[in-house]
Amino acid sequence: MALTGRAALLAALGSLPVGIWDPSWTGILAVNGPLAVACACDFALAAPVRRLRLTRSGDTSARLGDTADVTLTVTNPSNRSLRAHLRDAWPPSSWQQGTESAASRHSVTVPAGERRRVTTRLRPTRRGDRQADRVTIRSYGPLGLFTRQGSHRVPWTVRVLPPFTSRKHLPSKLSRLREFDGRTSVLTRGEGTEFDSLREYVPGDDTRSIDWRATARQSAVAVRTWRPERDRHLLLVLDTGRTSAGRVGDAPRLDASMDAALLLAALASRAGDRVDLLAYDRRVRALVQGRTAGDVLPAVVNTMANLEPELVETDARGLTATALRSAPRRSLIVLLTALDAAPIEEGLLPVLPQLTQRHTVLVASVADPHISRMAKARGNTDAVYEAAAAAQAQAERDRTAGQLRRHGVTVVDATPDELAPALADAYLELKAAGRL
């Protein structure tokens, strides 16, 4: 029988019968004489694994959908050259499905007394902390007949942050904010806003803005310009209870709510307002308070990274009490929750007056775009039934939103892609109207 590869090498060493050999195994099932000596020498010349020194460096955070590079430095203090295969193990959600094997395995050669670096590129598929598992190294001898294998624990954590996909809307919202703030030629007037300056009247201006005393002193009609007040307080409240776990599209409702909250936090901090964050279901899951304008967005993003929906009913009374303690002064409270009839009617509505009598309240909810598609379905009996069910579900949401509006609450109900810009627009309208 013809022998190839390592089996042929073994036969040539001693011209002796060769035992059964499987190249995927790390040993020989049956050898003798000079062949055994060769194998023993190969094993002895393989660099020891336990004496290796391993350290990490690289990225400690990445946005969901982006990559993170973690570098592993392998130092070989022995007097034998290391020829090895290395597996850098991480949780399965550290890579997209099917790519883990190629990304985590490396071949490395480290001469005696030297060091080499290998880089593992992660592409996480879930938010939260991803912690490195063990590093397994298989060291080969010069002939590749025997191996030494061992594992090292080299701790490292990569925090996977929310993707903040709505940041693409920030420039347009800031442009609109500058118009309100009097830094462009378009200025607005709103009840309760701060007086800024006088300018000449142009067709289309609100006649209530005319300053008659200033007009009497000059030949042209003068109007007052106003700018929104600064240093107002916003409390973003994320409902992390059962309803936030419902999936809309490919992600839970909570993820869409967080994205909208991030855009609003970025916009409000640029507007000079103070922003706090509260995540609550039956207890406080996260709280960010007292951060400066430059620190608030990184703090909110970092805090949201580990937030997950809890499969419990949200305690509306506890949420209200905690929100009131977190906002002792008049504030804009933005509650990101579901517009499901039962939780709103039985939980929120009875305690809502405690919030509205002191604060301006805005409720933002994620709508399911599939409901809209169902409502347009026609063509057969099943499609008609789906359209009727969708119409009923939408009518119930509209009725719930109407109940909130009758209590003086501003309601934003939009699909995941539209919620963030719609919430930012609602904030700007409240600011322009002087209701903050």
Protein backbone atom coordinates (compact mmCIF):
# COMPACT_ATOMS: atom_id res chain seq x y z
CA MET A 1 0.00 0.00 0.00
CA ALA A 2 1.45 3.37 -1.00
CA LEU A 3 2.19 5.75 1.86
CA THR A 4 2.18 9.51 1.59
CA GLY A 5 2.88 12.50 3.80
CA ARG A 6 3.81 11.83 7.43
CA ALA A 7 3.23 8.06 7.11
CA ALA A 8 5.89 7.88 4.35
CA LEU A 9 8.30 9.83 6.54
CA LEU A 10 7.81 7.39 9.38
CA ALA A 11 8.42 4.41 7.10
CA ALA A 12 11.62 5.97 5.77
CA LEU A 13 13.01 6.52 9.28
CA GLY A 14 13.26 2.85 10.15
CA SER A 15 12.01 0.77 7.23
CA LEU A 16 9.83 -0.85 9.87
CA PRO A 17 6.13 -1.68 9.74
CA VAL A 18 4.15 1.46 10.22
CA GLY A 19 1.21 1.41 12.58
CA ILE A 20 -2.12 2.96 11.89
CA TRP A 21 -1.71 6.73 11.34
CA ASP A 22 -4.35 9.39 11.13
CA PRO A 23 -2.93 12.85 10.31
CA SER A 24 -5.68 14.49 12.37
CA TRP A 25 -4.59 12.67 15.53
CA THR A 26 -1.73 13.90 17.73
CA GLY A 27 -0.04 10.53 18.16
CA ILE A 28 0.76 7.19 16.62
CA LEU A 29 -1.24 4.11 17.50
CA ALA A 30 1.60 1.66 16.95
CA VAL A 31 5.32 2.38 16.41
CA ASN A 32 8.62 0.86 17.54
CA GLY A 33 12.35 1.28 17.43
CA PRO A 34 13.89 4.37 15.79
CA LEU A 35 10.44 5.60 14.92
CA ALA A 36 9.52 5.91 18.58
CA VAL A 37 12.77 7.79 19.19
CA ALA A 38 11.92 10.24 16.39
CA CYS A 39 8.48 10.84 17.84
CA ALA A 40 9.87 11.38 21.32
CA CYS A 41 12.38 13.90 19.98
CA ASP A 42 9.65 15.73 18.09
CA PHE A 43 7.58 15.98 21.26
CA ALA A 44 10.60 17.18 23.26
CA LEU A 45 11.43 19.88 20.72
CA ALA A 46 7.89 21.32 20.70
CA ALA A 47 7.88 24.60 22.61
CA PRO A 48 6.15 24.37 26.01
CA VAL A 49 2.71 25.98 26.14
CA ARG A 50 2.31 26.71 29.82
CA ARG A 51 5.41 28.94 29.96
CA LEU A 52 4.07 31.27 27.26
CA ARG A 53 3.11 34.77 28.37
CA LEU A 54 0.00 36.29 26.80
CA THR A 55 -1.30 39.85 27.03
CA ARG A 56 -4.09 41.76 25.28
CA SER A 57 -4.58 45.24 23.87
CA GLY A 58 -6.94 46.92 21.45
CA ASP A 59 -10.54 48.12 21.36
CA THR A 60 -12.62 48.13 24.51
CA SER A 61 -15.87 49.28 22.91
CA ALA A 62 -17.61 49.25 19.54
CA ARG A 63 -21.03 50.16 18.20
CA LEU A 64 -23.33 47.33 17.27
CA GLY A 65 -22.64 46.44 13.64
CA ASP A 66 -19.06 47.79 13.69
CA THR A 67 -15.86 45.79 14.19
CA ALA A 68 -13.55 45.67 17.20
CA ASP A 69 -9.91 44.57 16.91
CA VAL A 70 -8.36 42.84 19.93
CA THR A 71 -4.63 42.12 19.72
CA LEU A 72 -3.07 39.15 21.53
CA THR A 73 0.68 39.35 22.19
CA VAL A 74 2.37 35.94 22.55
CA THR A 75 5.78 35.96 24.25
CA ASN A 76 7.93 32.82 24.07
CA PRO A 77 10.46 32.79 26.96
CA SER A 78 11.73 29.26 26.22
CA ASN A 79 14.81 28.32 24.19
CA ARG A 80 12.70 26.49 21.59
CA SER A 81 10.87 28.04 18.66
CA LEU A 82 7.09 27.98 18.91
CA ARG A 83 5.12 26.69 15.93
CA ALA A 84 1.49 26.69 16.92
CA HIS A 85 -2.15 26.95 16.06
CA LEU A 86 -4.04 29.31 18.36
CA ARG A 87 -7.76 29.69 19.07
CA ASP A 88 -8.91 32.92 20.72
CA ALA A 89 -12.36 32.01 22.08
CA TRP A 90 -15.14 34.58 22.56
CA PRO A 91 -18.93 34.22 23.04
CA PRO A 92 -20.82 33.18 19.87
CA SER A 93 -22.52 36.60 19.60
CA SER A 94 -19.09 38.17 19.04
CA TRP A 95 -19.30 37.28 15.35
CA GLN A 96 -21.87 36.91 12.66
CA GLN A 97 -23.09 33.36 12.26
CA GLY A 98 -20.66 31.15 10.37
CA THR A 99 -17.62 33.46 10.63
CA GLU A 100 -16.37 32.51 14.10
CA SER A 101 -14.05 29.71 12.97
CA ALA A 102 -12.06 31.83 10.53
CA ALA A 103 -11.92 34.89 12.78
CA SER A 104 -10.80 33.19 16.01
CA ARG A 105 -8.13 30.79 14.72
CA HIS A 106 -4.57 31.85 13.94
CA SER A 107 -1.25 30.23 13.00
CA VAL A 108 1.74 31.72 14.75
CA THR A 109 5.50 31.16 14.81
CA VAL A 110 7.47 32.74 17.66
CA PRO A 111 11.26 32.27 17.77
CA ALA A 112 12.86 31.59 21.15
CA GLY A 113 12.92 34.67 23.39
CA GLU A 114 10.76 36.74 21.03
CA ARG A 115 7.11 37.75 20.78
CA ARG A 116 4.50 38.02 18.07
CA ARG A 117 1.07 39.65 17.81
CA VAL A 118 -2.13 38.25 16.35
CA THR A 119 -5.34 40.25 15.96
CA THR A 120 -8.85 38.88 16.40
CA ARG A 121 -11.50 40.97 14.66
CA LEU A 122 -14.88 40.88 16.37
CA ARG A 123 -18.18 41.88 14.77
CA PRO A 124 -20.72 41.60 17.61
CA THR A 125 -24.37 40.88 16.87
CA ARG A 126 -25.79 41.90 20.27
CA ARG A 127 -25.41 44.81 22.66
CA GLY A 128 -23.69 44.37 26.03
CA ASP A 129 -20.33 43.24 27.37
CA ARG A 130 -18.45 40.54 25.47
CA GLN A 131 -15.76 38.89 27.60
CA ALA A 132 -12.90 36.85 26.23
CA ASP A 133 -12.83 33.16 27.09
CA ARG A 134 -9.68 31.06 27.16
CA VAL A 135 -6.88 31.05 24.57
CA THR A 136 -6.02 27.49 23.47
CA ILE A 137 -2.60 26.89 21.94
CA ARG A 138 -1.41 23.73 20.18
CA SER A 139 2.40 23.68 19.86
CA TYR A 140 3.94 21.45 17.15
CA GLY A 141 7.36 19.84 17.03
CA PRO A 142 9.66 20.24 14.00
CA LEU A 143 8.23 17.09 12.32
CA GLY A 144 4.66 17.84 13.24
CA LEU A 145 4.21 14.36 14.76
CA PHE A 146 3.32 15.33 18.30
CA THR A 147 1.83 18.42 19.90
CA ARG A 148 1.65 20.06 23.27
CA GLN A 149 -1.65 21.73 24.05
CA GLY A 150 -2.76 24.04 26.82
CA SER A 151 -5.03 26.97 27.60
CA HIS A 152 -4.51 30.42 29.11
CA ARG A 153 -7.07 32.83 30.47
CA VAL A 154 -6.35 36.34 29.22
CA PRO A 155 -9.22 38.59 30.40
CA TRP A 156 -10.55 41.32 28.13
CA THR A 157 -13.96 42.95 27.75
CA VAL A 158 -15.44 44.68 24.72
CA ARG A 159 -18.57 46.73 25.42
CA VAL A 160 -20.97 46.69 22.47
CA LEU A 161 -22.83 50.02 22.37
CA PRO A 162 -26.17 50.84 20.74
CA PRO A 163 -25.70 51.58 17.03
CA PHE A 164 -27.30 55.09 17.18
CA THR A 165 -28.50 54.85 13.58
CA SER A 166 -30.64 57.99 14.00
CA ARG A 167 -27.56 60.21 14.30
CA LYS A 168 -27.92 60.83 10.55
CA HIS A 169 -30.90 63.07 11.43
CA LEU A 170 -28.92 65.20 13.89
CA PRO A 171 -27.54 67.80 11.42
CA SER A 172 -31.01 68.68 10.09
CA LYS A 173 -32.46 68.92 13.61
CA LEU A 174 -29.58 71.13 14.73
CA SER A 175 -30.17 73.37 11.74
CA ARG A 176 -33.79 73.78 12.77
CA LEU A 177 -32.69 74.41 16.34
CA ARG A 178 -30.39 77.22 15.18
CA GLU A 179 -33.37 78.83 13.49
CA PHE A 180 -35.27 78.76 16.77
CA ASP A 181 -32.23 79.96 18.65
CA GLY A 182 -31.85 83.12 16.55
CA ARG A 183 -28.58 82.22 14.86
CA THR A 184 -30.06 82.43 11.35
CA SER A 185 -32.28 84.97 9.65
CA VAL A 186 -35.41 82.94 10.48
CA LEU A 187 -36.54 83.67 14.04
CA THR A 188 -39.60 82.44 15.84
CA ARG A 189 -41.89 83.80 18.48
CA GLY A 190 -43.22 81.61 21.25
CA GLU A 191 -45.05 82.18 24.49
CA GLY A 192 -42.65 82.21 27.42
CA THR A 193 -39.47 82.45 25.31
CA GLU A 194 -36.69 84.96 25.87
CA PHE A 195 -36.63 88.30 24.02
CA ASP A 196 -33.66 88.47 21.67
CA SER A 197 -33.68 91.60 19.49
CA LEU A 198 -35.64 93.82 17.08
CA ARG A 199 -35.65 93.66 13.32
CA GLU A 200 -37.59 95.12 10.42
CA TYR A 201 -40.98 93.60 9.64
CA VAL A 202 -41.25 91.34 6.59
CA PRO A 203 -44.47 89.98 5.07
CA GLY A 204 -45.53 86.78 6.85
CA ASP A 205 -44.37 87.84 10.34
CA ASP A 206 -46.82 87.37 13.18
CA THR A 207 -48.43 90.79 13.80
CA ARG A 208 -48.41 90.05 17.52
CA SER A 209 -44.62 90.41 17.40
CA ILE A 210 -44.75 94.06 16.29
CA ASP A 211 -43.15 96.41 18.79
CA TRP A 212 -45.30 99.56 18.40
CA ARG A 213 -43.10 101.74 20.60
CA ALA A 214 -40.00 100.92 18.56
CA THR A 215 -42.00 101.42 15.36
CA ALA A 216 -43.05 104.90 16.50
CA ARG A 217 -39.41 105.88 16.95
CA GLN A 218 -38.39 104.90 13.42
CA SER A 219 -39.73 104.92 9.91
CA ALA A 220 -40.03 101.14 9.52
CA VAL A 221 -42.21 98.62 11.34
CA ALA A 222 -40.15 96.77 13.96
CA VAL A 223 -40.87 93.28 15.25
CA ARG A 224 -39.51 91.46 18.27
CA THR A 225 -37.54 88.25 17.79
CA TRP A 226 -37.43 85.57 20.43
CA ARG A 227 -35.27 82.63 21.23
CA PRO A 228 -36.13 79.53 23.24
CA GLU A 229 -35.04 79.44 26.85
CA ARG A 230 -32.01 77.37 27.75
CA ASP A 231 -31.02 75.28 30.73
CA ARG A 232 -34.29 73.37 30.85
CA HIS A 233 -34.41 69.85 32.28
CA LEU A 234 -35.30 66.72 30.28
CA LEU A 235 -35.86 63.33 31.90
CA LEU A 236 -35.82 60.44 29.43
CA VAL A 237 -37.72 57.48 30.92
CA LEU A 238 -37.26 54.08 29.25
CA ASP A 239 -39.91 51.50 30.08
CA THR A 240 -37.93 48.22 30.21
CA GLY A 241 -40.91 46.05 31.18
CA ARG A 242 -42.70 43.28 29.32
CA THR A 243 -44.05 45.41 26.47
CA SER A 244 -40.54 46.61 25.54
CA ALA A 245 -39.55 43.02 24.69
CA GLY A 246 -41.99 42.76 21.79
CA ARG A 247 -40.15 42.55 18.49
CA VAL A 248 -40.89 45.07 15.79
CA GLY A 249 -39.07 44.02 12.65
CA ASP A 250 -35.71 42.52 13.59
CA ALA A 251 -35.26 44.11 17.01
CA PRO A 252 -37.12 44.58 20.32
CA ARG A 253 -39.13 47.76 20.87
CA LEU A 254 -36.60 48.75 23.50
CA ASP A 255 -33.85 49.12 20.87
CA ALA A 256 -35.94 51.54 18.78
CA SER A 257 -36.80 53.50 21.94
CA MET A 258 -33.14 53.76 22.89
CA ASP A 259 -32.22 55.02 19.43
CA ALA A 260 -34.87 57.75 19.68
CA ALA A 261 -33.69 58.65 23.18
CA LEU A 262 -30.10 59.01 21.96
CA LEU A 263 -31.07 61.44 19.20
CA LEU A 264 -33.12 63.51 21.62
CA ALA A 265 -30.31 63.51 24.20
CA ALA A 266 -27.80 64.69 21.59
CA LEU A 267 -30.15 67.42 20.35
CA ALA A 268 -31.21 68.66 23.79
CA SER A 269 -27.66 68.82 25.10
CA ARG A 270 -26.67 70.93 22.07
CA ALA A 271 -29.65 73.17 22.82
CA GLY A 272 -28.26 73.91 26.27
CA ASP A 273 -30.75 71.75 28.19
CA ARG A 274 -29.85 69.29 30.92
CA VAL A 275 -30.62 65.64 30.14
CA ASP A 276 -31.06 62.75 32.58
CA LEU A 277 -31.96 59.12 31.87
CA LEU A 278 -34.07 56.68 33.88
CA ALA A 279 -34.72 53.04 32.91
CA TYR A 280 -37.41 51.37 34.99
CA ASP A 281 -39.80 48.40 35.12
CA ARG A 282 -40.33 47.25 38.70
CA ARG A 283 -37.07 48.77 39.88
CA VAL A 284 -34.45 51.17 38.57
CA ARG A 285 -32.41 49.45 35.86
CA ALA A 286 -30.27 52.47 34.96
CA LEU A 287 -29.93 56.09 36.04
CA VAL A 288 -27.81 58.87 34.54
CA GLN A 289 -27.96 62.23 36.33
CA GLY A 290 -26.03 65.45 36.65
CA ARG A 291 -23.82 65.09 33.57
CA THR A 292 -22.50 68.07 31.67
CA ALA A 293 -23.50 68.70 28.05
CA GLY A 294 -20.28 67.16 26.76
CA ASP A 295 -20.52 64.06 28.97
CA VAL A 296 -24.21 63.23 28.84
CA LEU A 297 -24.31 61.45 25.46
CA PRO A 298 -21.31 59.13 26.13
CA ALA A 299 -22.74 58.35 29.57
CA VAL A 300 -26.19 57.54 28.17
CA VAL A 301 -24.75 55.37 25.37
CA ASN A 302 -22.53 53.49 27.81
CA THR A 303 -25.41 52.92 30.23
CA MET A 304 -27.77 51.67 27.52
CA ALA A 305 -25.28 49.04 26.33
CA ASN A 306 -26.33 46.48 28.94
CA LEU A 307 -30.03 47.30 29.11
CA GLU A 308 -32.33 44.40 28.25
CA PRO A 309 -36.13 44.04 28.43
CA GLU A 310 -37.45 42.38 31.57
CA LEU A 311 -40.41 40.02 31.28
CA VAL A 312 -42.35 41.67 34.10
CA GLU A 313 -45.27 44.08 34.17
CA THR A 314 -44.09 47.65 34.64
CA ASP A 315 -45.04 49.20 37.98
CA ALA A 316 -46.53 52.52 36.84
CA ARG A 317 -46.82 53.90 40.39
CA GLY A 318 -43.19 53.10 41.14
CA LEU A 319 -42.12 54.59 37.81
CA THR A 320 -44.04 57.79 38.51
CA ALA A 321 -42.65 58.12 42.03
CA THR A 322 -39.09 57.57 40.81
CA ALA A 323 -39.53 60.06 37.96
CA LEU A 324 -40.83 62.70 40.40
CA ARG A 325 -37.83 62.17 42.66
CA SER A 326 -35.49 62.44 39.68
CA ALA A 327 -37.14 65.66 38.45
CA PRO A 328 -37.91 67.86 41.47
CA ARG A 329 -38.15 70.99 39.30
CA ARG A 330 -40.44 71.59 36.32
CA SER A 331 -39.15 69.40 33.49
CA LEU A 332 -40.01 67.74 30.23
CA ILE A 333 -40.56 64.05 30.99
CA VAL A 334 -40.27 61.88 27.90
CA LEU A 335 -41.73 58.43 28.55
CA LEU A 336 -40.81 55.83 25.92
CA THR A 337 -43.33 53.03 26.34
CA ALA A 338 -45.92 50.99 24.44
CA LEU A 339 -49.36 52.34 23.55
CA ASP A 340 -51.05 49.08 24.50
CA ALA A 341 -54.48 49.78 25.95
CA ALA A 342 -54.29 47.65 29.11
CA PRO A 343 -50.94 48.92 30.50
CA ILE A 344 -51.88 52.54 29.76
CA GLU A 345 -55.46 52.46 31.07
CA GLU A 346 -54.80 50.31 34.13
CA GLY A 347 -51.28 51.47 34.93
CA LEU A 348 -50.34 54.91 33.63
CA LEU A 349 -53.62 56.87 33.41
CA PRO A 350 -54.51 56.64 37.13
CA VAL A 351 -51.13 58.16 38.15
CA LEU A 352 -50.65 60.47 35.16
CA PRO A 353 -52.05 63.60 36.92
CA GLN A 354 -49.14 63.42 39.38
CA LEU A 355 -46.79 64.03 36.46
CA THR A 356 -48.82 66.50 34.40
CA GLN A 357 -49.62 68.87 37.25
CA ARG A 358 -45.92 69.67 37.67
CA HIS A 359 -44.24 68.67 34.40
CA THR A 360 -44.70 68.66 30.65
CA VAL A 361 -45.15 65.03 29.61
CA LEU A 362 -44.42 63.49 26.22
CA VAL A 363 -45.15 59.82 25.47
CA ALA A 364 -43.31 58.19 22.56
CA SER A 365 -44.23 54.73 21.31
CA VAL A 366 -42.94 52.36 18.63
CA ALA A 367 -45.58 51.42 16.07
CA ASP A 368 -45.40 48.17 14.13
CA PRO A 369 -45.11 48.86 10.37
CA HIS A 370 -46.56 45.42 9.71
CA ILE A 371 -49.93 46.70 11.00
CA SER A 372 -49.98 49.36 8.28
CA ARG A 373 -49.17 46.78 5.62
CA MET A 374 -51.90 44.48 6.90
CA ALA A 375 -54.45 47.32 6.79
CA LYS A 376 -53.84 47.72 3.05
CA ALA A 377 -54.18 44.02 2.26
CA ARG A 378 -56.92 42.98 -0.17
CA GLY A 379 -57.59 40.27 -2.72
CA ASN A 380 -58.83 37.24 -0.75
CA THR A 381 -60.70 36.35 2.42
CA ASP A 382 -57.57 36.01 4.58
CA ALA A 383 -56.29 39.40 3.43
CA VAL A 384 -59.62 41.07 4.25
CA TYR A 385 -59.60 39.56 7.74
CA GLU A 386 -56.03 40.75 8.24
CA ALA A 387 -57.01 44.26 7.14
CA ALA A 388 -59.93 44.27 9.58
CA ALA A 389 -57.71 43.12 12.45
CA ALA A 390 -55.13 45.78 11.61
CA ALA A 391 -57.80 48.49 11.48
CA GLN A 392 -59.10 47.41 14.87
CA ALA A 393 -55.59 47.43 16.37
CA GLN A 394 -54.87 50.89 14.97
CA ALA A 395 -58.21 52.24 16.22
CA GLU A 396 -57.35 50.98 19.70
CA ARG A 397 -53.95 52.73 19.60
CA ASP A 398 -55.60 55.94 18.42
CA ARG A 399 -58.12 55.73 21.25
CA THR A 400 -55.35 55.20 23.80
CA ALA A 401 -53.38 58.13 22.38
CA GLY A 402 -56.52 60.27 22.55
CA GLN A 403 -56.93 59.48 26.24
CA LEU A 404 -53.37 60.62 26.89
CA ARG A 405 -53.84 63.83 24.91
CA ARG A 406 -56.95 64.69 26.94
CA HIS A 407 -54.65 64.71 29.98
CA GLY A 408 -52.40 67.27 28.28
CA VAL A 409 -49.80 64.74 27.12
CA THR A 410 -48.02 65.09 23.77
CA VAL A 411 -48.03 61.72 21.98
CA VAL A 412 -45.60 60.53 19.30
CA ASP A 413 -46.54 57.22 17.69
CA ALA A 414 -44.25 56.20 14.82
CA THR A 415 -42.49 53.22 13.26
CA PRO A 416 -38.92 52.37 14.34
CA ASP A 417 -37.36 54.25 11.40
CA GLU A 418 -39.52 57.34 11.96
CA LEU A 419 -39.71 57.47 15.77
CA ALA A 420 -36.38 59.22 16.43
CA PRO A 421 -36.87 62.17 14.01
CA ALA A 422 -40.55 62.48 15.01
CA LEU A 423 -39.60 62.67 18.70
CA ALA A 424 -36.92 65.28 17.95
CA ASP A 425 -39.48 67.35 16.01
CA ALA A 426 -41.93 67.16 18.91
CA TYR A 427 -39.22 68.43 21.27
CA LEU A 428 -38.36 71.32 18.94
CA GLU A 429 -42.03 72.28 18.64
CA LEU A 430 -42.43 72.32 22.41
CA LYS A 431 -39.29 74.42 22.71
CA ALA A 432 -40.41 76.86 20.02
CA ALA A 433 -43.79 77.21 21.72
CA GLY A 434 -42.14 77.97 25.07
CA ARG A 435 -43.71 74.98 26.80
CA LEU A 436 -40.47 73.74 28.37
